[in-house]
């Protein structure tokens, strides 16, 4: 996907599975806030 969409942002969070929103919600919220701030 990164090759097809060069403007894509990839993120990896060690110690989580498919439920990042349940396992590490604070990391998800921080990442989303940083991403959204970058759009402004």
Protein backbone atom coordinates (compact mmCIF):
# COMPACT_ATOMS: atom_id res chain seq x y z
CA UNK A 1 0.00 0.00 0.00
CA UNK A 2 2.81 2.41 0.79
CA UNK A 3 4.23 1.93 -2.71
CA UNK A 4 0.84 2.51 -4.32
CA UNK A 5 -0.06 5.50 -2.12
CA UNK A 6 3.13 7.41 -1.29
CA UNK A 7 1.24 9.91 0.89
CA UNK A 8 0.06 7.10 3.18
CA UNK A 9 1.15 7.21 6.79
CA UNK A 10 2.15 3.88 8.33
CA UNK A 11 2.18 3.25 12.05
CA UNK A 12 3.28 0.29 14.13
CA UNK A 13 2.51 -0.14 17.81
CA UNK A 14 4.47 -2.94 19.46
CA UNK A 15 2.59 -5.10 21.92
CA UNK A 16 -0.81 -4.76 20.28
CA UNK A 17 -2.90 -6.92 18.01
CA UNK A 18 -5.96 -6.01 15.98
CA UNK A 19 -7.65 -4.18 18.85
CA UNK A 20 -5.37 -1.18 19.30
CA UNK A 21 -8.39 0.91 20.29
CA UNK A 22 -8.96 -1.43 23.25
CA UNK A 23 -5.39 -2.42 24.10
CA UNK A 24 -3.68 0.98 23.93
CA UNK A 25 -6.34 3.65 23.39
CA UNK A 26 -4.04 6.46 24.57
CA UNK A 27 -1.52 5.65 21.82
CA UNK A 28 -4.28 5.58 19.21
CA UNK A 29 -5.72 8.89 20.39
CA UNK A 30 -2.29 10.53 20.33
CA UNK A 31 -1.54 9.21 16.84
CA UNK A 32 -4.91 10.33 15.51
CA UNK A 33 -4.61 13.77 17.08
CA UNK A 34 -1.12 14.21 15.61
CA UNK A 35 -2.35 13.11 12.19
CA UNK A 36 -5.38 15.43 12.26
CA UNK A 37 -3.27 18.39 13.42
CA UNK A 38 -0.97 17.76 10.46
CA UNK A 39 -3.89 18.19 8.07
CA UNK A 40 -4.67 21.70 9.29
